[in-house]
């Protein structure tokens, strides 16, 4: 998204009173899914919404902020709290598989995630929703946060590979993509279990 456009008064014009973040994000994903992230700009997004470009800046300050909001909206429903009695490793696996599925449902989502500025809701709601079950299981907050960051990096890197035609073709020529992802995820979670505090390992099958 280019630098902020302004009207004669030096401030962006609000434009369509029905315009809101939800509509903007939905339109941005529709545009990206159809044409790719390289087609996303103030001009093309405004045309998608049938508004003037400056109206967008009442709702976000930059392209990075928009990309962060797109990721927030894509991932927010993939994280559910573990049901009673569900071991935390199984819950973590289910959440991670769901995140990969959500990312692969959108074109260029890996690139968007790597470019984006995490939104306030991502920082204050989505990340805490992932680490809190680990903390309740017995992890220190710092370790739970580190585990979340490492796992997110694994998923993002994998998705970027899958969404690149050349890299996807290369990896697919060597291994089954789904099986390989599951293998790497299992190895990560097993490693996390092995380093978990004693409380977090209670009741887990060896």
N, C-alpha and C. Protein backbone atom coordinates (compact mmCIF):
# COMPACT_ATOMS: atom_id res chain seq x y z
N UNK A 1 0.85 -1.19 0.00
CA UNK A 1 0.00 0.00 0.00
C UNK A 1 0.89 1.24 0.00
N UNK A 2 0.61 2.18 -0.87
CA UNK A 2 1.45 3.35 -1.00
C UNK A 2 1.25 4.31 0.16
N UNK A 3 2.05 5.41 0.16
CA UNK A 3 1.94 6.40 1.21
C UNK A 3 0.53 6.97 1.29
N UNK A 4 0.18 7.43 2.46
CA UNK A 4 -1.18 7.92 2.71
C UNK A 4 -1.56 9.06 1.77
N UNK A 5 -2.68 8.88 1.11
CA UNK A 5 -3.20 9.92 0.24
C UNK A 5 -4.05 10.88 1.06
N UNK A 6 -4.09 12.13 0.67
CA UNK A 6 -4.84 13.12 1.44
C UNK A 6 -5.68 13.99 0.53
N UNK A 7 -6.70 14.60 1.13
CA UNK A 7 -7.52 15.55 0.41
C UNK A 7 -6.92 16.94 0.49
N UNK A 8 -7.67 17.95 0.05
CA UNK A 8 -7.15 19.32 0.03
C UNK A 8 -6.85 19.83 1.42
N UNK A 9 -7.54 19.33 2.43
CA UNK A 9 -7.33 19.81 3.80
C UNK A 9 -6.13 19.15 4.45
N UNK A 10 -5.48 18.19 3.75
CA UNK A 10 -4.34 17.50 4.35
C UNK A 10 -4.73 16.26 5.11
N UNK A 11 -6.04 15.93 5.20
CA UNK A 11 -6.49 14.74 5.89
C UNK A 11 -7.18 13.81 4.88
N UNK A 12 -7.08 12.48 5.09
CA UNK A 12 -7.79 11.57 4.19
C UNK A 12 -9.29 11.75 4.32
N UNK A 13 -9.98 11.53 3.22
CA UNK A 13 -11.43 11.65 3.24
C UNK A 13 -12.04 10.33 3.71
N UNK A 14 -13.06 10.41 4.53
CA UNK A 14 -13.65 9.21 5.11
C UNK A 14 -14.38 8.37 4.06
N UNK A 15 -15.06 8.99 3.13
CA UNK A 15 -15.71 8.25 2.05
C UNK A 15 -16.92 7.48 2.52
N UNK A 16 -17.07 6.25 2.07
CA UNK A 16 -18.23 5.41 2.33
C UNK A 16 -18.45 5.22 3.83
N UNK A 17 -19.58 5.68 4.37
CA UNK A 17 -19.82 5.52 5.82
C UNK A 17 -20.01 4.07 6.23
N UNK A 18 -20.28 3.18 5.28
CA UNK A 18 -20.44 1.76 5.58
C UNK A 18 -19.12 1.00 5.58
N UNK A 19 -18.04 1.69 5.23
CA UNK A 19 -16.74 1.04 5.16
C UNK A 19 -16.24 0.73 6.57
N UNK A 20 -15.75 -0.48 6.78
CA UNK A 20 -15.18 -0.84 8.07
C UNK A 20 -14.05 -1.85 7.85
N UNK A 21 -13.35 -2.20 8.91
CA UNK A 21 -12.20 -3.08 8.79
C UNK A 21 -12.59 -4.45 8.24
N UNK A 22 -13.73 -4.97 8.70
CA UNK A 22 -14.16 -6.28 8.23
C UNK A 22 -14.34 -6.30 6.72
N UNK A 23 -15.02 -5.29 6.20
CA UNK A 23 -15.24 -5.21 4.74
C UNK A 23 -13.92 -5.07 4.00
N UNK A 24 -13.02 -4.25 4.54
CA UNK A 24 -11.73 -4.02 3.88
C UNK A 24 -10.93 -5.31 3.83
N UNK A 25 -10.88 -6.03 4.95
CA UNK A 25 -10.10 -7.27 5.00
C UNK A 25 -10.70 -8.33 4.07
N UNK A 26 -12.01 -8.46 4.07
CA UNK A 26 -12.65 -9.43 3.17
C UNK A 26 -12.35 -9.10 1.71
N UNK A 27 -12.40 -7.82 1.38
CA UNK A 27 -12.11 -7.42 0.00
C UNK A 27 -10.64 -7.65 -0.35
N UNK A 28 -9.77 -7.40 0.62
CA UNK A 28 -8.34 -7.62 0.38
C UNK A 28 -8.06 -9.10 0.12
N UNK A 29 -8.67 -9.99 0.90
CA UNK A 29 -8.47 -11.42 0.67
C UNK A 29 -9.06 -11.85 -0.66
N UNK A 30 -10.23 -11.31 -1.00
CA UNK A 30 -10.84 -11.65 -2.29
C UNK A 30 -9.92 -11.26 -3.44
N UNK A 31 -9.32 -10.08 -3.33
CA UNK A 31 -8.41 -9.60 -4.37
C UNK A 31 -7.16 -10.48 -4.44
N UNK A 32 -6.57 -10.78 -3.28
CA UNK A 32 -5.36 -11.60 -3.25
C UNK A 32 -5.65 -13.02 -3.75
N UNK A 33 -6.76 -13.61 -3.32
CA UNK A 33 -7.08 -14.96 -3.75
C UNK A 33 -7.29 -15.04 -5.26
N UNK A 34 -7.75 -13.94 -5.83
CA UNK A 34 -8.02 -13.91 -7.27
C UNK A 34 -6.78 -13.57 -8.09
N UNK A 35 -5.98 -12.61 -7.61
CA UNK A 35 -4.90 -12.06 -8.43
C UNK A 35 -3.51 -12.16 -7.79
N UNK A 36 -3.43 -12.51 -6.51
CA UNK A 36 -2.13 -12.59 -5.85
C UNK A 36 -1.80 -11.33 -5.08
N UNK A 37 -0.90 -11.47 -4.10
CA UNK A 37 -0.59 -10.33 -3.22
C UNK A 37 0.09 -9.18 -3.96
N UNK A 38 0.79 -9.49 -5.05
CA UNK A 38 1.46 -8.42 -5.79
C UNK A 38 0.46 -7.45 -6.44
N UNK A 39 -0.79 -7.88 -6.56
CA UNK A 39 -1.82 -7.01 -7.13
C UNK A 39 -2.46 -6.11 -6.09
N UNK A 40 -2.14 -6.32 -4.81
CA UNK A 40 -2.78 -5.57 -3.75
C UNK A 40 -2.14 -4.20 -3.58
N UNK A 41 -2.91 -3.16 -3.71
CA UNK A 41 -2.45 -1.78 -3.53
C UNK A 41 -3.63 -0.94 -3.08
N UNK A 42 -3.36 0.28 -2.68
CA UNK A 42 -4.45 1.19 -2.32
C UNK A 42 -5.44 1.33 -3.46
N UNK A 43 -4.92 1.49 -4.66
CA UNK A 43 -5.78 1.71 -5.82
C UNK A 43 -6.66 0.50 -6.10
N UNK A 44 -6.03 -0.70 -6.14
CA UNK A 44 -6.81 -1.88 -6.50
C UNK A 44 -7.80 -2.26 -5.39
N UNK A 45 -7.41 -2.07 -4.14
CA UNK A 45 -8.32 -2.39 -3.04
C UNK A 45 -9.49 -1.42 -3.00
N UNK A 46 -9.21 -0.14 -3.22
CA UNK A 46 -10.29 0.85 -3.25
C UNK A 46 -11.26 0.54 -4.39
N UNK A 47 -10.72 0.12 -5.54
CA UNK A 47 -11.60 -0.23 -6.65
C UNK A 47 -12.44 -1.45 -6.31
N UNK A 48 -11.86 -2.40 -5.59
CA UNK A 48 -12.61 -3.59 -5.17
C UNK A 48 -13.79 -3.21 -4.28
N UNK A 49 -13.59 -2.17 -3.46
CA UNK A 49 -14.62 -1.72 -2.52
C UNK A 49 -15.49 -0.60 -3.08
N UNK A 50 -15.13 -0.11 -4.28
CA UNK A 50 -15.86 0.98 -4.90
C UNK A 50 -15.84 2.24 -4.02
N UNK A 51 -14.65 2.55 -3.49
CA UNK A 51 -14.46 3.77 -2.71
C UNK A 51 -13.21 4.47 -3.23
N UNK A 52 -12.95 5.67 -2.73
CA UNK A 52 -11.72 6.37 -3.03
C UNK A 52 -10.61 5.85 -2.12
N UNK A 53 -9.39 5.80 -2.66
CA UNK A 53 -8.26 5.26 -1.90
C UNK A 53 -8.06 5.89 -0.53
N UNK A 54 -8.14 7.22 -0.39
CA UNK A 54 -7.90 7.83 0.93
C UNK A 54 -8.84 7.35 2.02
N UNK A 55 -10.04 6.87 1.64
CA UNK A 55 -11.00 6.40 2.66
C UNK A 55 -10.44 5.22 3.45
N UNK A 56 -9.55 4.46 2.83
CA UNK A 56 -8.99 3.30 3.52
C UNK A 56 -8.18 3.69 4.74
N UNK A 57 -7.58 4.88 4.68
CA UNK A 57 -6.68 5.28 5.76
C UNK A 57 -7.39 5.76 7.02
N UNK A 58 -8.70 5.78 7.00
CA UNK A 58 -9.43 5.99 8.24
C UNK A 58 -9.42 4.72 9.09
N UNK A 59 -9.06 3.61 8.46
CA UNK A 59 -9.17 2.32 9.14
C UNK A 59 -7.84 1.61 9.34
N UNK A 60 -6.81 1.98 8.60
CA UNK A 60 -5.47 1.41 8.79
C UNK A 60 -4.44 2.41 8.28
N UNK A 61 -3.25 2.34 8.85
CA UNK A 61 -2.23 3.34 8.56
C UNK A 61 -1.28 2.93 7.44
N UNK A 62 -1.14 1.64 7.20
CA UNK A 62 -0.11 1.20 6.27
C UNK A 62 -0.45 -0.17 5.69
N UNK A 63 0.33 -0.57 4.69
CA UNK A 63 0.17 -1.90 4.13
C UNK A 63 0.47 -2.97 5.16
N UNK A 64 1.51 -2.77 5.95
CA UNK A 64 1.84 -3.76 6.98
C UNK A 64 0.69 -3.96 7.95
N UNK A 65 0.03 -2.87 8.32
CA UNK A 65 -1.11 -3.00 9.23
C UNK A 65 -2.25 -3.77 8.57
N UNK A 66 -2.50 -3.48 7.31
CA UNK A 66 -3.55 -4.21 6.59
C UNK A 66 -3.22 -5.69 6.53
N UNK A 67 -1.98 -6.04 6.20
CA UNK A 67 -1.59 -7.43 6.12
C UNK A 67 -1.74 -8.12 7.47
N UNK A 68 -1.40 -7.39 8.55
CA UNK A 68 -1.57 -7.95 9.88
C UNK A 68 -3.02 -8.22 10.20
N UNK A 69 -3.91 -7.33 9.79
CA UNK A 69 -5.34 -7.54 10.00
C UNK A 69 -5.86 -8.72 9.17
N UNK A 70 -5.31 -8.86 7.97
CA UNK A 70 -5.70 -10.01 7.14
C UNK A 70 -5.32 -11.32 7.83
N UNK A 71 -4.12 -11.37 8.41
CA UNK A 71 -3.70 -12.58 9.10
C UNK A 71 -4.52 -12.81 10.36
N UNK A 72 -4.83 -11.76 11.07
CA UNK A 72 -5.68 -11.88 12.27
C UNK A 72 -7.02 -12.52 11.91
N UNK A 73 -7.65 -12.00 10.88
CA UNK A 73 -8.96 -12.51 10.48
C UNK A 73 -8.87 -13.95 9.96
N UNK A 74 -7.76 -14.30 9.32
CA UNK A 74 -7.62 -15.65 8.79
C UNK A 74 -7.41 -16.68 9.90
N UNK A 75 -6.69 -16.29 10.95
CA UNK A 75 -6.29 -17.26 11.97
C UNK A 75 -7.18 -17.29 13.21
N UNK A 76 -7.98 -16.26 13.41
CA UNK A 76 -8.68 -16.14 14.69
C UNK A 76 -9.59 -17.32 14.99
N UNK A 77 -10.17 -17.96 13.97
CA UNK A 77 -11.11 -19.05 14.22
C UNK A 77 -10.43 -20.42 14.22
N UNK A 78 -9.10 -20.44 13.98
CA UNK A 78 -8.41 -21.73 13.96
C UNK A 78 -7.97 -22.15 15.36
N UNK A 79 -8.08 -21.26 16.32
CA UNK A 79 -7.62 -21.56 17.68
C UNK A 79 -8.82 -21.74 18.59
N UNK A 80 -9.03 -22.93 19.03
CA UNK A 80 -10.11 -23.24 19.97
C UNK A 80 -9.48 -23.77 21.25
N UNK A 81 -10.13 -23.52 22.35
CA UNK A 81 -9.61 -24.00 23.62
C UNK A 81 -9.76 -25.51 23.70
N UNK A 82 -8.81 -26.19 24.35
CA UNK A 82 -8.90 -27.66 24.43
C UNK A 82 -10.10 -28.11 25.23
N UNK A 83 -10.74 -29.17 24.75
CA UNK A 83 -11.87 -29.73 25.49
C UNK A 83 -11.37 -30.41 26.75
N UNK A 84 -12.26 -30.62 27.70
CA UNK A 84 -11.89 -31.23 28.98
C UNK A 84 -11.24 -32.59 28.75
N UNK A 85 -10.10 -32.78 29.36
CA UNK A 85 -9.42 -34.06 29.27
C UNK A 85 -8.53 -34.24 28.07
N UNK A 86 -8.52 -33.29 27.12
CA UNK A 86 -7.67 -33.42 25.94
C UNK A 86 -6.23 -33.06 26.31
N UNK A 87 -5.28 -33.96 26.14
CA UNK A 87 -3.89 -33.64 26.48
C UNK A 87 -3.37 -32.47 25.65
N UNK A 88 -2.54 -31.65 26.29
CA UNK A 88 -2.08 -30.46 25.58
C UNK A 88 -1.30 -30.78 24.31
N UNK A 89 -0.51 -31.87 24.21
CA UNK A 89 0.16 -32.14 22.92
C UNK A 89 -0.82 -32.38 21.78
N UNK A 90 -1.91 -33.09 22.07
CA UNK A 90 -2.91 -33.34 21.03
C UNK A 90 -3.61 -32.05 20.62
N UNK A 91 -3.93 -31.21 21.63
CA UNK A 91 -4.54 -29.92 21.31
C UNK A 91 -3.62 -29.07 20.44
N UNK A 92 -2.33 -29.04 20.80
CA UNK A 92 -1.37 -28.24 20.04
C UNK A 92 -1.27 -28.75 18.61
N UNK A 93 -1.32 -30.06 18.44
CA UNK A 93 -1.29 -30.63 17.10
C UNK A 93 -2.52 -30.20 16.29
N UNK A 94 -3.70 -30.28 16.91
CA UNK A 94 -4.93 -29.91 16.20
C UNK A 94 -4.93 -28.45 15.80
N UNK A 95 -4.47 -27.58 16.68
CA UNK A 95 -4.41 -26.15 16.36
C UNK A 95 -3.43 -25.90 15.22
N UNK A 96 -2.28 -26.56 15.26
CA UNK A 96 -1.27 -26.35 14.22
C UNK A 96 -1.76 -26.84 12.86
N UNK A 97 -2.39 -28.00 12.83
CA UNK A 97 -2.95 -28.52 11.58
C UNK A 97 -4.02 -27.58 11.04
N UNK A 98 -4.84 -27.03 11.95
CA UNK A 98 -5.88 -26.09 11.54
C UNK A 98 -5.27 -24.81 10.97
N UNK A 99 -4.19 -24.34 11.57
CA UNK A 99 -3.56 -23.13 11.05
C UNK A 99 -2.98 -23.33 9.66
N UNK A 100 -2.34 -24.47 9.46
CA UNK A 100 -1.83 -24.76 8.11
C UNK A 100 -2.98 -24.80 7.11
N UNK A 101 -4.08 -25.45 7.48
CA UNK A 101 -5.23 -25.56 6.58
C UNK A 101 -5.79 -24.18 6.25
N UNK A 102 -5.90 -23.32 7.25
CA UNK A 102 -6.43 -21.97 7.04
C UNK A 102 -5.50 -21.18 6.13
N UNK A 103 -4.20 -21.27 6.36
CA UNK A 103 -3.26 -20.53 5.54
C UNK A 103 -3.28 -21.00 4.09
N UNK A 104 -3.35 -22.31 3.90
CA UNK A 104 -3.35 -22.83 2.54
C UNK A 104 -4.65 -22.54 1.80
N UNK A 105 -5.69 -22.14 2.54
CA UNK A 105 -6.95 -21.79 1.89
C UNK A 105 -6.88 -20.44 1.20
N UNK A 106 -5.82 -19.67 1.50
CA UNK A 106 -5.67 -18.33 0.91
C UNK A 106 -4.37 -18.26 0.12
N UNK A 107 -4.47 -17.71 -1.06
CA UNK A 107 -3.30 -17.54 -1.92
C UNK A 107 -2.30 -16.58 -1.26
N UNK A 108 -1.02 -16.92 -1.34
CA UNK A 108 0.07 -16.05 -0.87
C UNK A 108 0.01 -15.74 0.62
N UNK A 109 -0.71 -16.55 1.40
CA UNK A 109 -0.83 -16.24 2.82
C UNK A 109 0.51 -16.32 3.55
N UNK A 110 1.39 -17.21 3.10
CA UNK A 110 2.71 -17.30 3.72
C UNK A 110 3.50 -16.02 3.54
N UNK A 111 3.50 -15.49 2.34
CA UNK A 111 4.18 -14.21 2.10
C UNK A 111 3.53 -13.10 2.90
N UNK A 112 2.21 -13.09 2.94
CA UNK A 112 1.51 -12.05 3.69
C UNK A 112 1.88 -12.11 5.16
N UNK A 113 1.92 -13.31 5.74
CA UNK A 113 2.28 -13.45 7.14
C UNK A 113 3.70 -12.95 7.40
N UNK A 114 4.61 -13.23 6.47
CA UNK A 114 6.01 -12.83 6.68
C UNK A 114 6.20 -11.32 6.53
N UNK A 115 5.32 -10.65 5.79
CA UNK A 115 5.42 -9.20 5.60
C UNK A 115 4.65 -8.41 6.65
N UNK A 116 3.72 -9.05 7.33
CA UNK A 116 2.72 -8.31 8.10
C UNK A 116 3.25 -7.79 9.43
N UNK A 117 2.55 -6.78 9.92
CA UNK A 117 2.75 -6.26 11.27
C UNK A 117 1.65 -6.86 12.14
N UNK A 118 1.99 -7.71 13.13
CA UNK A 118 0.94 -8.33 13.94
C UNK A 118 -0.02 -7.29 14.52
N UNK A 119 -1.31 -7.56 14.38
CA UNK A 119 -2.32 -6.62 14.86
C UNK A 119 -2.39 -6.62 16.38
N UNK A 120 -3.05 -5.62 16.93
CA UNK A 120 -3.21 -5.55 18.38
C UNK A 120 -3.97 -6.76 18.90
N UNK A 121 -4.99 -7.18 18.17
CA UNK A 121 -5.75 -8.34 18.61
C UNK A 121 -4.91 -9.61 18.56
N UNK A 122 -4.03 -9.72 17.56
CA UNK A 122 -3.14 -10.87 17.51
C UNK A 122 -2.24 -10.91 18.73
N UNK A 123 -1.74 -9.74 19.12
CA UNK A 123 -0.83 -9.66 20.27
C UNK A 123 -1.55 -9.94 21.58
N UNK A 124 -2.76 -9.41 21.73
CA UNK A 124 -3.43 -9.45 23.03
C UNK A 124 -4.45 -10.57 23.19
N UNK A 125 -4.89 -11.18 22.07
CA UNK A 125 -5.89 -12.22 22.16
C UNK A 125 -5.45 -13.55 21.53
N UNK A 126 -4.95 -13.51 20.29
CA UNK A 126 -4.67 -14.75 19.59
C UNK A 126 -3.45 -15.47 20.17
N UNK A 127 -2.34 -14.74 20.35
CA UNK A 127 -1.16 -15.38 20.94
C UNK A 127 -1.44 -15.89 22.35
N UNK A 128 -2.07 -15.08 23.23
CA UNK A 128 -2.38 -15.62 24.57
C UNK A 128 -3.27 -16.86 24.53
N UNK A 129 -4.16 -16.96 23.56
CA UNK A 129 -5.03 -18.15 23.46
C UNK A 129 -4.22 -19.40 23.16
N UNK A 130 -3.06 -19.25 22.51
CA UNK A 130 -2.21 -20.40 22.22
C UNK A 130 -1.35 -20.76 23.42
N UNK A 131 -0.80 -19.77 24.09
CA UNK A 131 0.15 -20.09 25.15
C UNK A 131 -0.51 -20.42 26.49
N UNK A 132 -1.74 -19.95 26.72
CA UNK A 132 -2.37 -20.18 28.02
C UNK A 132 -2.56 -21.65 28.35
N UNK A 133 -3.01 -22.51 27.40
CA UNK A 133 -3.12 -23.93 27.73
C UNK A 133 -1.78 -24.55 28.11
N UNK A 134 -0.69 -24.09 27.50
CA UNK A 134 0.63 -24.60 27.86
C UNK A 134 1.01 -24.14 29.27
N UNK A 135 0.69 -22.91 29.59
CA UNK A 135 0.99 -22.39 30.92
C UNK A 135 0.19 -23.16 31.97
N UNK A 136 -1.09 -23.40 31.68
CA UNK A 136 -1.91 -24.16 32.62
C UNK A 136 -1.39 -25.58 32.79
N UNK A 137 -0.78 -26.12 31.73
CA UNK A 137 -0.23 -27.47 31.81
C UNK A 137 1.03 -27.53 32.66
N UNK A 138 1.68 -26.38 32.87
CA UNK A 138 2.87 -26.35 33.71
C UNK A 138 4.08 -25.67 33.13
N UNK A 139 3.99 -25.17 31.88
CA UNK A 139 5.11 -24.46 31.26
C UNK A 139 5.26 -23.06 31.87
N UNK A 140 6.50 -22.59 31.94
CA UNK A 140 6.72 -21.19 32.26
C UNK A 140 6.23 -20.35 31.08
N UNK A 141 5.80 -19.14 31.36
CA UNK A 141 5.29 -18.28 30.29
C UNK A 141 6.34 -18.07 29.21
N UNK A 142 7.59 -17.86 29.61
CA UNK A 142 8.64 -17.63 28.62
C UNK A 142 8.81 -18.85 27.71
N UNK A 143 8.75 -20.04 28.28
CA UNK A 143 8.91 -21.26 27.47
C UNK A 143 7.70 -21.49 26.57
N UNK A 144 6.51 -21.22 27.09
CA UNK A 144 5.30 -21.36 26.28
C UNK A 144 5.34 -20.40 25.09
N UNK A 145 5.80 -19.19 25.34
CA UNK A 145 5.89 -18.20 24.26
C UNK A 145 6.94 -18.61 23.23
N UNK A 146 8.08 -19.12 23.71
CA UNK A 146 9.12 -19.59 22.80
C UNK A 146 8.62 -20.75 21.94
N UNK A 147 7.89 -21.67 22.57
CA UNK A 147 7.35 -22.81 21.83
C UNK A 147 6.37 -22.36 20.76
N UNK A 148 5.52 -21.39 21.11
CA UNK A 148 4.57 -20.86 20.14
C UNK A 148 5.29 -20.22 18.96
N UNK A 149 6.31 -19.43 19.25
CA UNK A 149 7.06 -18.77 18.18
C UNK A 149 7.75 -19.76 17.26
N UNK A 150 8.34 -20.80 17.86
CA UNK A 150 9.04 -21.79 17.05
C UNK A 150 8.06 -22.58 16.17
N UNK A 151 6.92 -22.93 16.74
CA UNK A 151 5.93 -23.69 15.98
C UNK A 151 5.31 -22.83 14.88
N UNK A 152 5.05 -21.57 15.18
CA UNK A 152 4.52 -20.66 14.15
C UNK A 152 5.51 -20.52 13.00
N UNK A 153 6.81 -20.46 13.32
CA UNK A 153 7.83 -20.35 12.27
C UNK A 153 7.87 -21.61 11.41
N UNK A 154 7.70 -22.77 12.05
CA UNK A 154 7.66 -24.04 11.30
C UNK A 154 6.49 -24.04 10.32
N UNK A 155 5.30 -23.67 10.80
CA UNK A 155 4.12 -23.66 9.95
C UNK A 155 4.28 -22.65 8.81
N UNK A 156 4.74 -21.45 9.15
CA UNK A 156 4.89 -20.41 8.13
C UNK A 156 5.89 -20.83 7.07
N UNK A 157 7.04 -21.36 7.49
CA UNK A 157 8.03 -21.79 6.51
C UNK A 157 7.49 -22.89 5.62
N UNK A 158 6.74 -23.81 6.20
CA UNK A 158 6.17 -24.90 5.42
C UNK A 158 5.16 -24.38 4.40
N UNK A 159 4.32 -23.46 4.84
CA UNK A 159 3.30 -22.91 3.94
C UNK A 159 3.95 -22.13 2.80
N UNK A 160 4.99 -21.37 3.10
CA UNK A 160 5.69 -20.64 2.05
C UNK A 160 6.25 -21.62 1.02
N UNK A 161 6.81 -22.74 1.48
CA UNK A 161 7.28 -23.77 0.56
C UNK A 161 6.13 -24.32 -0.28
N UNK A 162 5.02 -24.60 0.35
CA UNK A 162 3.89 -25.19 -0.37
C UNK A 162 3.29 -24.23 -1.39
N UNK A 163 3.36 -22.93 -1.09
CA UNK A 163 2.73 -21.96 -1.99
C UNK A 163 3.66 -21.47 -3.09
N UNK A 164 4.90 -21.86 -3.04
CA UNK A 164 5.82 -21.54 -4.13
C UNK A 164 5.83 -22.67 -5.14
N UNK A 165 5.41 -22.45 -6.37
CA UNK A 165 5.29 -23.55 -7.34
C UNK A 165 6.57 -24.37 -7.50
N UNK A 166 7.72 -23.69 -7.56
CA UNK A 166 8.97 -24.42 -7.76
C UNK A 166 9.35 -25.23 -6.54
N UNK A 167 9.27 -24.60 -5.35
CA UNK A 167 9.65 -25.33 -4.14
C UNK A 167 8.65 -26.45 -3.84
N UNK A 168 7.37 -26.18 -4.07
CA UNK A 168 6.37 -27.23 -3.85
C UNK A 168 6.64 -28.43 -4.76
N UNK A 169 6.94 -28.17 -6.01
CA UNK A 169 7.22 -29.25 -6.95
C UNK A 169 8.45 -30.04 -6.52
N UNK A 170 9.46 -29.32 -6.04
CA UNK A 170 10.69 -29.99 -5.61
C UNK A 170 10.43 -30.87 -4.39
N UNK A 171 9.79 -30.29 -3.36
CA UNK A 171 9.53 -31.06 -2.14
C UNK A 171 8.62 -32.23 -2.45
N UNK A 172 7.58 -32.00 -3.27
CA UNK A 172 6.63 -33.06 -3.59
C UNK A 172 7.30 -34.19 -4.37
N UNK A 173 8.40 -33.89 -5.07
CA UNK A 173 9.12 -34.94 -5.80
C UNK A 173 9.91 -35.84 -4.86
N UNK A 174 10.09 -35.38 -3.62
CA UNK A 174 10.88 -36.13 -2.64
C UNK A 174 10.02 -36.85 -1.62
N UNK A 175 8.97 -36.16 -1.15
CA UNK A 175 8.13 -36.71 -0.08
C UNK A 175 6.68 -36.29 -0.30
N UNK A 176 5.77 -37.01 0.34
CA UNK A 176 4.37 -36.58 0.37
C UNK A 176 4.27 -35.38 1.31
N UNK A 177 3.68 -34.30 0.84
CA UNK A 177 3.68 -33.05 1.60
C UNK A 177 2.94 -33.18 2.93
N UNK A 178 1.77 -33.80 2.91
CA UNK A 178 1.00 -33.94 4.14
C UNK A 178 1.73 -34.83 5.15
N UNK A 179 2.25 -35.95 4.68
CA UNK A 179 2.94 -36.87 5.58
C UNK A 179 4.20 -36.23 6.15
N UNK A 180 4.91 -35.48 5.31
CA UNK A 180 6.13 -34.84 5.77
C UNK A 180 5.82 -33.76 6.80
N UNK A 181 4.75 -33.00 6.57
CA UNK A 181 4.36 -32.00 7.56
C UNK A 181 4.02 -32.67 8.88
N UNK A 182 3.25 -33.74 8.84
CA UNK A 182 2.87 -34.47 10.05
C UNK A 182 4.11 -35.01 10.77
N UNK A 183 5.07 -35.49 10.01
CA UNK A 183 6.30 -36.02 10.61
C UNK A 183 7.05 -34.91 11.35
N UNK A 184 7.22 -33.77 10.70
CA UNK A 184 7.91 -32.66 11.34
C UNK A 184 7.17 -32.15 12.55
N UNK A 185 5.84 -32.08 12.46
CA UNK A 185 5.04 -31.62 13.59
C UNK A 185 5.16 -32.58 14.76
N UNK A 186 5.11 -33.89 14.47
CA UNK A 186 5.24 -34.88 15.53
C UNK A 186 6.60 -34.76 16.21
N UNK A 187 7.64 -34.58 15.41
CA UNK A 187 8.99 -34.45 15.97
C UNK A 187 9.07 -33.21 16.87
N UNK A 188 8.45 -32.12 16.44
CA UNK A 188 8.48 -30.89 17.25
C UNK A 188 7.76 -31.12 18.58
N UNK A 189 6.57 -31.69 18.51
CA UNK A 189 5.78 -31.87 19.72
C UNK A 189 6.44 -32.88 20.67
N UNK A 190 7.02 -33.94 20.11
CA UNK A 190 7.74 -34.90 20.95
C UNK A 190 8.92 -34.24 21.65
N UNK A 191 9.61 -33.39 20.92
CA UNK A 191 10.72 -32.66 21.53
C UNK A 191 10.23 -31.73 22.63
N UNK A 192 9.09 -31.11 22.41
CA UNK A 192 8.52 -30.22 23.42
C UNK A 192 8.12 -31.01 24.67
N UNK A 193 7.53 -32.18 24.45
CA UNK A 193 7.16 -33.03 25.59
C UNK A 193 8.40 -33.42 26.38
N UNK A 194 9.48 -33.75 25.68
CA UNK A 194 10.69 -34.20 26.37
C UNK A 194 11.32 -33.09 27.21
N UNK A 195 11.09 -31.84 26.84
CA UNK A 195 11.65 -30.71 27.58
C UNK A 195 10.65 -30.08 28.55
N UNK A 196 9.44 -30.58 28.55
CA UNK A 196 8.40 -30.00 29.39
C UNK A 196 8.69 -30.26 30.87
N UNK A 197 8.26 -29.37 31.74
CA UNK A 197 8.40 -29.62 33.17
C UNK A 197 7.59 -30.84 33.59
N UNK A 198 7.95 -31.43 34.71
CA UNK A 198 7.32 -32.67 35.16
C UNK A 198 5.81 -32.55 35.23
N UNK A 199 5.31 -31.41 35.67
CA UNK A 199 3.86 -31.24 35.79
C UNK A 199 3.19 -31.38 34.44
N UNK A 200 3.81 -30.85 33.37
CA UNK A 200 3.21 -30.89 32.05
C UNK A 200 3.26 -32.27 31.44
N UNK A 201 4.12 -33.16 31.96
CA UNK A 201 4.22 -34.52 31.43
C UNK A 201 3.32 -35.50 32.16
N UNK A 202 2.70 -35.05 33.24
CA UNK A 202 1.85 -35.95 34.02
C UNK A 202 0.66 -36.42 33.18
N UNK A 203 0.44 -37.72 33.17
CA UNK A 203 -0.71 -38.28 32.48
C UNK A 203 -0.51 -38.48 31.00
N UNK A 204 0.66 -38.13 30.45
CA UNK A 204 0.90 -38.32 29.02
C UNK A 204 1.45 -39.71 28.78
N UNK A 205 1.03 -40.31 27.70
CA UNK A 205 1.57 -41.62 27.34
C UNK A 205 3.01 -41.47 26.88
N UNK A 206 3.81 -42.36 27.25
CA UNK A 206 5.22 -42.33 26.82
C UNK A 206 5.31 -42.74 25.36
